[in-house]
Amino acid sequence: MGRTDEDENEFGLKRLAQLGQDLREKTPTEIVAAIDDEVRQFAGCCPSQDDRTMCVMKMGADHLEGVGR
């Protein structure tokens, strides 16, 4: 996640992962809107240097059986 604030601090993957965890009960549409809002607030008045693409997919726990083993 390359978006920076006025002090050139990156939003970062750690912050994005925590946000995703916090929003896990929301719908994909709500997650996209919340992440977009959070990134915009973080960046403040700094213009974006690039385009943005976001995709949210949710899977139920029953789909994860055997994954990561």
PDB file of N, CA and C in Angstrom:
ATOM      1  N   MET A   1       0.862  -1.172   0.000  1.00  0.00           N
ATOM      2  CA  MET A   1       0.000   0.000   0.000  1.00  0.00           C
ATOM      3  C   MET A   1       0.896   1.219   0.000  1.00  0.00           C
ATOM      4  N   GLY A   2       1.018   1.873  -1.112  1.00  0.00           N
ATOM      5  CA  GLY A   2       1.981   2.943  -1.261  1.00  0.00           C
ATOM      6  C   GLY A   2       1.490   4.346  -0.952  1.00  0.00           C
ATOM      7  N   ARG A   3       0.283   4.509  -0.463  1.00  0.00           N
ATOM      8  CA  ARG A   3      -0.242   5.854  -0.189  1.00  0.00           C
ATOM      9  C   ARG A   3       0.460   6.455   1.016  1.00  0.00           C
ATOM     10  N   THR A   4       0.872   7.709   0.889  1.00  0.00           N
ATOM     11  CA  THR A   4       1.604   8.376   1.972  1.00  0.00           C
ATOM     12  C   THR A   4       0.849   9.603   2.472  1.00  0.00           C
ATOM     13  N   ASP A   5       1.222  10.020   3.679  1.00  0.00           N
ATOM     14  CA  ASP A   5       0.655  11.245   4.248  1.00  0.00           C
ATOM     15  C   ASP A   5       1.603  12.410   3.960  1.00  0.00           C
ATOM     16  N   GLU A   6       1.313  13.574   4.527  1.00  0.00           N
ATOM     17  CA  GLU A   6       2.144  14.755   4.247  1.00  0.00           C
ATOM     18  C   GLU A   6       3.573  14.633   4.771  1.00  0.00           C
ATOM     19  N   ASP A   7       3.803  13.726   5.724  1.00  0.00           N
ATOM     20  CA  ASP A   7       5.157  13.487   6.240  1.00  0.00           C
ATOM     21  C   ASP A   7       5.848  12.319   5.535  1.00  0.00           C
ATOM     22  N   GLU A   8       5.210  11.830   4.452  1.00  0.00           N
ATOM     23  CA  GLU A   8       5.708  10.719   3.642  1.00  0.00           C
ATOM     24  C   GLU A   8       5.730   9.380   4.380  1.00  0.00           C
ATOM     25  N   ASN A   9       4.875   9.236   5.405  1.00  0.00           N
ATOM     26  CA  ASN A   9       4.674   7.938   6.060  1.00  0.00           C
ATOM     27  C   ASN A   9       3.731   7.129   5.185  1.00  0.00           C
ATOM     28  N   GLU A  10       4.045   5.845   4.965  1.00  0.00           N
ATOM     29  CA  GLU A  10       3.179   4.983   4.164  1.00  0.00           C
ATOM     30  C   GLU A  10       2.011   4.447   4.979  1.00  0.00           C
ATOM     31  N   PHE A  11       0.866   4.303   4.317  1.00  0.00           N
ATOM     32  CA  PHE A  11      -0.282   3.665   4.963  1.00  0.00           C
ATOM     33  C   PHE A  11       0.118   2.254   5.363  1.00  0.00           C
ATOM     34  N   GLY A  12       0.709   1.509   4.472  1.00  0.00           N
ATOM     35  CA  GLY A  12       1.338   0.221   4.762  1.00  0.00           C
ATOM     36  C   GLY A  12       0.410  -0.975   4.851  1.00  0.00           C
ATOM     37  N   LEU A  13       1.006  -2.138   4.599  1.00  0.00           N
ATOM     38  CA  LEU A  13       0.268  -3.395   4.620  1.00  0.00           C
ATOM     39  C   LEU A  13      -0.173  -3.785   6.022  1.00  0.00           C
ATOM     40  N   LYS A  14       0.634  -3.471   7.024  1.00  0.00           N
ATOM     41  CA  LYS A  14       0.266  -3.814   8.406  1.00  0.00           C
ATOM     42  C   LYS A  14      -1.023  -3.095   8.801  1.00  0.00           C
ATOM     43  N   ARG A  15      -1.102  -1.813   8.481  1.00  0.00           N
ATOM     44  CA  ARG A  15      -2.305  -1.028   8.786  1.00  0.00           C
ATOM     45  C   ARG A  15      -3.501  -1.552   7.989  1.00  0.00           C
ATOM     46  N   LEU A  16      -3.260  -1.897   6.702  1.00  0.00           N
ATOM     47  CA  LEU A  16      -4.325  -2.436   5.864  1.00  0.00           C
ATOM     48  C   LEU A  16      -4.822  -3.779   6.395  1.00  0.00           C
ATOM     49  N   ALA A  17      -3.907  -4.643   6.819  1.00  0.00           N
ATOM     50  CA  ALA A  17      -4.288  -5.946   7.362  1.00  0.00           C
ATOM     51  C   ALA A  17      -5.116  -5.791   8.634  1.00  0.00           C
ATOM     52  N   GLN A  18      -4.718  -4.877   9.509  1.00  0.00           N
ATOM     53  CA  GLN A  18      -5.483  -4.636  10.740  1.00  0.00           C
ATOM     54  C   GLN A  18      -6.873  -4.111  10.420  1.00  0.00           C
ATOM     55  N   LEU A  19      -6.938  -3.215   9.457  1.00  0.00           N
ATOM     56  CA  LEU A  19      -8.228  -2.673   9.050  1.00  0.00           C
ATOM     57  C   LEU A  19      -9.123  -3.773   8.485  1.00  0.00           C
ATOM     58  N   GLY A  20      -8.553  -4.639   7.654  1.00  0.00           N
ATOM     59  CA  GLY A  20      -9.314  -5.775   7.119  1.00  0.00           C
ATOM     60  C   GLY A  20      -9.834  -6.672   8.223  1.00  0.00           C
ATOM     61  N   GLN A  21      -9.014  -6.913   9.218  1.00  0.00           N
ATOM     62  CA  GLN A  21      -9.426  -7.733  10.370  1.00  0.00           C
ATOM     63  C   GLN A  21     -10.573  -7.056  11.125  1.00  0.00           C
ATOM     64  N   ASP A  22     -10.453  -5.750  11.326  1.00  0.00           N
ATOM     65  CA  ASP A  22     -11.490  -5.006  12.043  1.00  0.00           C
ATOM     66  C   ASP A  22     -12.819  -4.983  11.287  1.00  0.00           C
ATOM     67  N   LEU A  23     -12.750  -5.078   9.963  1.00  0.00           N
ATOM     68  CA  LEU A  23     -13.953  -4.960   9.120  1.00  0.00           C
ATOM     69  C   LEU A  23     -14.502  -6.301   8.652  1.00  0.00           C
ATOM     70  N   ARG A  24     -13.976  -7.399   9.151  1.00  0.00           N
ATOM     71  CA  ARG A  24     -14.297  -8.724   8.620  1.00  0.00           C
ATOM     72  C   ARG A  24     -15.780  -9.088   8.652  1.00  0.00           C
ATOM     73  N   GLU A  25     -16.552  -8.473   9.521  1.00  0.00           N
ATOM     74  CA  GLU A  25     -17.981  -8.785   9.602  1.00  0.00           C
ATOM     75  C   GLU A  25     -18.822  -7.946   8.634  1.00  0.00           C
ATOM     76  N   LYS A  26     -18.216  -6.990   7.971  1.00  0.00           N
ATOM     77  CA  LYS A  26     -18.928  -6.099   7.045  1.00  0.00           C
ATOM     78  C   LYS A  26     -19.069  -6.753   5.677  1.00  0.00           C
ATOM     79  N   THR A  27     -19.919  -6.193   4.836  1.00  0.00           N
ATOM     80  CA  THR A  27     -20.063  -6.668   3.461  1.00  0.00           C
ATOM     81  C   THR A  27     -18.872  -6.173   2.639  1.00  0.00           C
ATOM     82  N   PRO A  28     -18.578  -6.810   1.501  1.00  0.00           N
ATOM     83  CA  PRO A  28     -17.489  -6.313   0.653  1.00  0.00           C
ATOM     84  C   PRO A  28     -17.658  -4.841   0.272  1.00  0.00           C
ATOM     85  N   THR A  29     -18.857  -4.410  -0.024  1.00  0.00           N
ATOM     86  CA  THR A  29     -19.101  -3.005  -0.372  1.00  0.00           C
ATOM     87  C   THR A  29     -18.752  -2.090   0.791  1.00  0.00           C
ATOM     88  N   GLU A  30     -19.140  -2.482   2.005  1.00  0.00           N
ATOM     89  CA  GLU A  30     -18.827  -1.688   3.197  1.00  0.00           C
ATOM     90  C   GLU A  30     -17.322  -1.670   3.473  1.00  0.00           C
ATOM     91  N   ILE A  31     -16.654  -2.801   3.222  1.00  0.00           N
ATOM     92  CA  ILE A  31     -15.213  -2.889   3.440  1.00  0.00           C
ATOM     93  C   ILE A  31     -14.476  -1.952   2.489  1.00  0.00           C
ATOM     94  N   VAL A  32     -14.840  -1.975   1.216  1.00  0.00           N
ATOM     95  CA  VAL A  32     -14.206  -1.089   0.228  1.00  0.00           C
ATOM     96  C   VAL A  32     -14.394   0.370   0.632  1.00  0.00           C
ATOM     97  N   ALA A  33     -15.614   0.742   0.999  1.00  0.00           N
ATOM     98  CA  ALA A  33     -15.898   2.130   1.383  1.00  0.00           C
ATOM     99  C   ALA A  33     -15.097   2.530   2.627  1.00  0.00           C
ATOM    100  N   ALA A  34     -15.026   1.647   3.612  1.00  0.00           N
ATOM    101  CA  ALA A  34     -14.308   1.966   4.857  1.00  0.00           C
ATOM    102  C   ALA A  34     -12.802   2.096   4.615  1.00  0.00           C
ATOM    103  N   ILE A  35     -12.239   1.201   3.811  1.00  0.00           N
ATOM    104  CA  ILE A  35     -10.805   1.289   3.505  1.00  0.00           C
ATOM    105  C   ILE A  35     -10.522   2.570   2.728  1.00  0.00           C
ATOM    106  N   ASP A  36     -11.356   2.883   1.747  1.00  0.00           N
ATOM    107  CA  ASP A  36     -11.184   4.106   0.973  1.00  0.00           C
ATOM    108  C   ASP A  36     -11.231   5.332   1.883  1.00  0.00           C
ATOM    109  N   ASP A  37     -12.203   5.371   2.778  1.00  0.00           N
ATOM    110  CA  ASP A  37     -12.305   6.490   3.728  1.00  0.00           C
ATOM    111  C   ASP A  37     -11.070   6.593   4.611  1.00  0.00           C
ATOM    112  N   GLU A  38     -10.613   5.455   5.120  1.00  0.00           N
ATOM    113  CA  GLU A  38      -9.452   5.441   6.021  1.00  0.00           C
ATOM    114  C   GLU A  38      -8.191   5.918   5.305  1.00  0.00           C
ATOM    115  N   VAL A  39      -7.993   5.466   4.080  1.00  0.00           N
ATOM    116  CA  VAL A  39      -6.811   5.878   3.310  1.00  0.00           C
ATOM    117  C   VAL A  39      -6.880   7.374   2.996  1.00  0.00           C
ATOM    118  N   ARG A  40      -8.062   7.863   2.629  1.00  0.00           N
ATOM    119  CA  ARG A  40      -8.221   9.300   2.343  1.00  0.00           C
ATOM    120  C   ARG A  40      -7.935  10.145   3.593  1.00  0.00           C
ATOM    121  N   GLN A  41      -8.440   9.712   4.748  1.00  0.00           N
ATOM    122  CA  GLN A  41      -8.175  10.433   5.991  1.00  0.00           C
ATOM    123  C   GLN A  41      -6.686  10.414   6.323  1.00  0.00           C
ATOM    124  N   PHE A  42      -6.053   9.276   6.123  1.00  0.00           N
ATOM    125  CA  PHE A  42      -4.628   9.140   6.397  1.00  0.00           C
ATOM    126  C   PHE A  42      -3.809  10.093   5.520  1.00  0.00           C
ATOM    127  N   ALA A  43      -4.135  10.137   4.239  1.00  0.00           N
ATOM    128  CA  ALA A  43      -3.360  10.940   3.292  1.00  0.00           C
ATOM    129  C   ALA A  43      -3.621  12.432   3.445  1.00  0.00           C
ATOM    130  N   GLY A  44      -4.754  12.792   4.029  1.00  0.00           N
ATOM    131  CA  GLY A  44      -5.078  14.208   4.200  1.00  0.00           C
ATOM    132  C   GLY A  44      -5.184  14.915   2.868  1.00  0.00           C
ATOM    133  N   CYS A  45      -4.514  16.033   2.754  1.00  0.00           N
ATOM    134  CA  CYS A  45      -4.610  16.835   1.542  1.00  0.00           C
ATOM    135  C   CYS A  45      -3.609  16.422   0.469  1.00  0.00           C
ATOM    136  N   CYS A  46      -2.796  15.392   0.725  1.00  0.00           N
ATOM    137  CA  CYS A  46      -1.800  14.960  -0.256  1.00  0.00           C
ATOM    138  C   CYS A  46      -2.484  14.274  -1.435  1.00  0.00           C
ATOM    139  N   PRO A  47      -2.220  14.748  -2.646  1.00  0.00           N
ATOM    140  CA  PRO A  47      -2.847  14.119  -3.814  1.00  0.00           C
ATOM    141  C   PRO A  47      -2.286  12.720  -4.057  1.00  0.00           C
ATOM    142  N   SER A  48      -3.106  11.864  -4.621  1.00  0.00           N
ATOM    143  CA  SER A  48      -2.675  10.520  -4.965  1.00  0.00           C
ATOM    144  C   SER A  48      -1.719  10.581  -6.149  1.00  0.00           C
ATOM    145  N   GLN A  49      -0.653   9.799  -6.097  1.00  0.00           N
ATOM    146  CA  GLN A  49       0.321   9.760  -7.181  1.00  0.00           C
ATOM    147  C   GLN A  49       0.005   8.671  -8.195  1.00  0.00           C
ATOM    148  N   ASP A  50      -0.994   7.858  -7.931  1.00  0.00           N
ATOM    149  CA  ASP A  50      -1.298   6.724  -8.793  1.00  0.00           C
ATOM    150  C   ASP A  50      -2.785   6.408  -8.707  1.00  0.00           C
ATOM    151  N   ASP A  51      -3.243   5.530  -9.576  1.00  0.00           N
ATOM    152  CA  ASP A  51      -4.633   5.099  -9.514  1.00  0.00           C
ATOM    153  C   ASP A  51      -4.795   4.079  -8.387  1.00  0.00           C
ATOM    154  N   ARG A  52      -6.047   3.738  -8.080  1.00  0.00           N
ATOM    155  CA  ARG A  52      -6.330   2.775  -7.019  1.00  0.00           C
ATOM    156  C   ARG A  52      -7.208   1.667  -7.566  1.00  0.00           C
ATOM    157  N   THR A  53      -6.921   0.467  -7.148  1.00  0.00           N
ATOM    158  CA  THR A  53      -7.754  -0.680  -7.469  1.00  0.00           C
ATOM    159  C   THR A  53      -7.921  -1.486  -6.190  1.00  0.00           C
ATOM    160  N   MET A  54      -9.153  -1.879  -5.893  1.00  0.00           N
ATOM    161  CA  MET A  54      -9.402  -2.651  -4.687  1.00  0.00           C
ATOM    162  C   MET A  54     -10.394  -3.762  -5.008  1.00  0.00           C
ATOM    163  N   CYS A  55     -10.111  -4.940  -4.518  1.00  0.00           N
ATOM    164  CA  CYS A  55     -10.993  -6.083  -4.696  1.00  0.00           C
ATOM    165  C   CYS A  55     -11.133  -6.762  -3.338  1.00  0.00           C
ATOM    166  N   VAL A  56     -12.354  -7.010  -2.922  1.00  0.00           N
ATOM    167  CA  VAL A  56     -12.602  -7.678  -1.648  1.00  0.00           C
ATOM    168  C   VAL A  56     -13.373  -8.956  -1.928  1.00  0.00           C
ATOM    169  N   MET A  57     -12.849 -10.079  -1.451  1.00  0.00           N
ATOM    170  CA  MET A  57     -13.535 -11.364  -1.564  1.00  0.00           C
ATOM    171  C   MET A  57     -13.685 -11.935  -0.169  1.00  0.00           C
ATOM    172  N   LYS A  58     -14.851 -12.455   0.119  1.00  0.00           N
ATOM    173  CA  LYS A  58     -15.089 -13.060   1.422  1.00  0.00           C
ATOM    174  C   LYS A  58     -15.423 -14.531   1.214  1.00  0.00           C
ATOM    175  N   MET A  59     -14.891 -15.350   2.111  1.00  0.00           N
ATOM    176  CA  MET A  59     -15.173 -16.775   2.083  1.00  0.00           C
ATOM    177  C   MET A  59     -15.579 -17.199   3.481  1.00  0.00           C
ATOM    178  N   GLY A  60     -16.528 -18.090   3.547  1.00  0.00           N
ATOM    179  CA  GLY A  60     -16.917 -18.636   4.844  1.00  0.00           C
ATOM    180  C   GLY A  60     -15.867 -19.607   5.348  1.00  0.00           C
ATOM    181  N   ALA A  61     -15.868 -19.864   6.629  1.00  0.00           N
ATOM    182  CA  ALA A  61     -14.880 -20.746   7.244  1.00  0.00           C
ATOM    183  C   ALA A  61     -14.937 -22.149   6.657  1.00  0.00           C
ATOM    184  N   ASP A  62     -16.114 -22.597   6.204  1.00  0.00           N
ATOM    185  CA  ASP A  62     -16.240 -23.934   5.635  1.00  0.00           C
ATOM    186  C   ASP A  62     -15.446 -24.066   4.333  1.00  0.00           C
ATOM    187  N   HIS A  63     -15.144 -22.962   3.672  1.00  0.00           N
ATOM    188  CA  HIS A  63     -14.357 -22.982   2.449  1.00  0.00           C
ATOM    189  C   HIS A  63     -12.862 -23.095   2.734  1.00  0.00           C
ATOM    190  N   LEU A  64     -12.459 -22.893   3.969  1.00  0.00           N
ATOM    191  CA  LEU A  64     -11.044 -22.848   4.315  1.00  0.00           C
ATOM    192  C   LEU A  64     -10.523 -24.158   4.870  1.00  0.00           C
ATOM    193  N   GLU A  65     -11.360 -25.178   4.984  1.00  0.00           N
ATOM    194  CA  GLU A  65     -10.934 -26.436   5.554  1.00  0.00           C
ATOM    195  C   GLU A  65      -9.781 -27.011   4.725  1.00  0.00           C
ATOM    196  N   GLY A  66      -8.696 -27.304   5.369  1.00  0.00           N
ATOM    197  CA  GLY A  66      -7.526 -27.872   4.698  1.00  0.00           C
ATOM    198  C   GLY A  66      -6.577 -26.838   4.133  1.00  0.00           C
ATOM    199  N   VAL A  67      -6.943 -25.575   4.114  1.00  0.00           N
ATOM    200  CA  VAL A  67      -6.069 -24.541   3.590  1.00  0.00           C
ATOM    201  C   VAL A  67      -4.944 -24.279   4.581  1.00  0.00           C
ATOM    202  N   GLY A  68      -3.738 -24.195   4.092  1.00  0.00           N
ATOM    203  CA  GLY A  68      -2.595 -23.877   4.944  1.00  0.00           C
ATOM    204  C   GLY A  68      -2.013 -25.077   5.682  1.00  0.00           C
ATOM    205  N   ARG A  69      -2.447 -26.252   5.311  1.00  0.00           N
ATOM    206  CA  ARG A  69      -1.921 -27.454   5.980  1.00  0.00           C
ATOM    207  C   ARG A  69      -0.882 -28.092   5.119  1.00  0.00           C
TER     208      ARG A  69
END
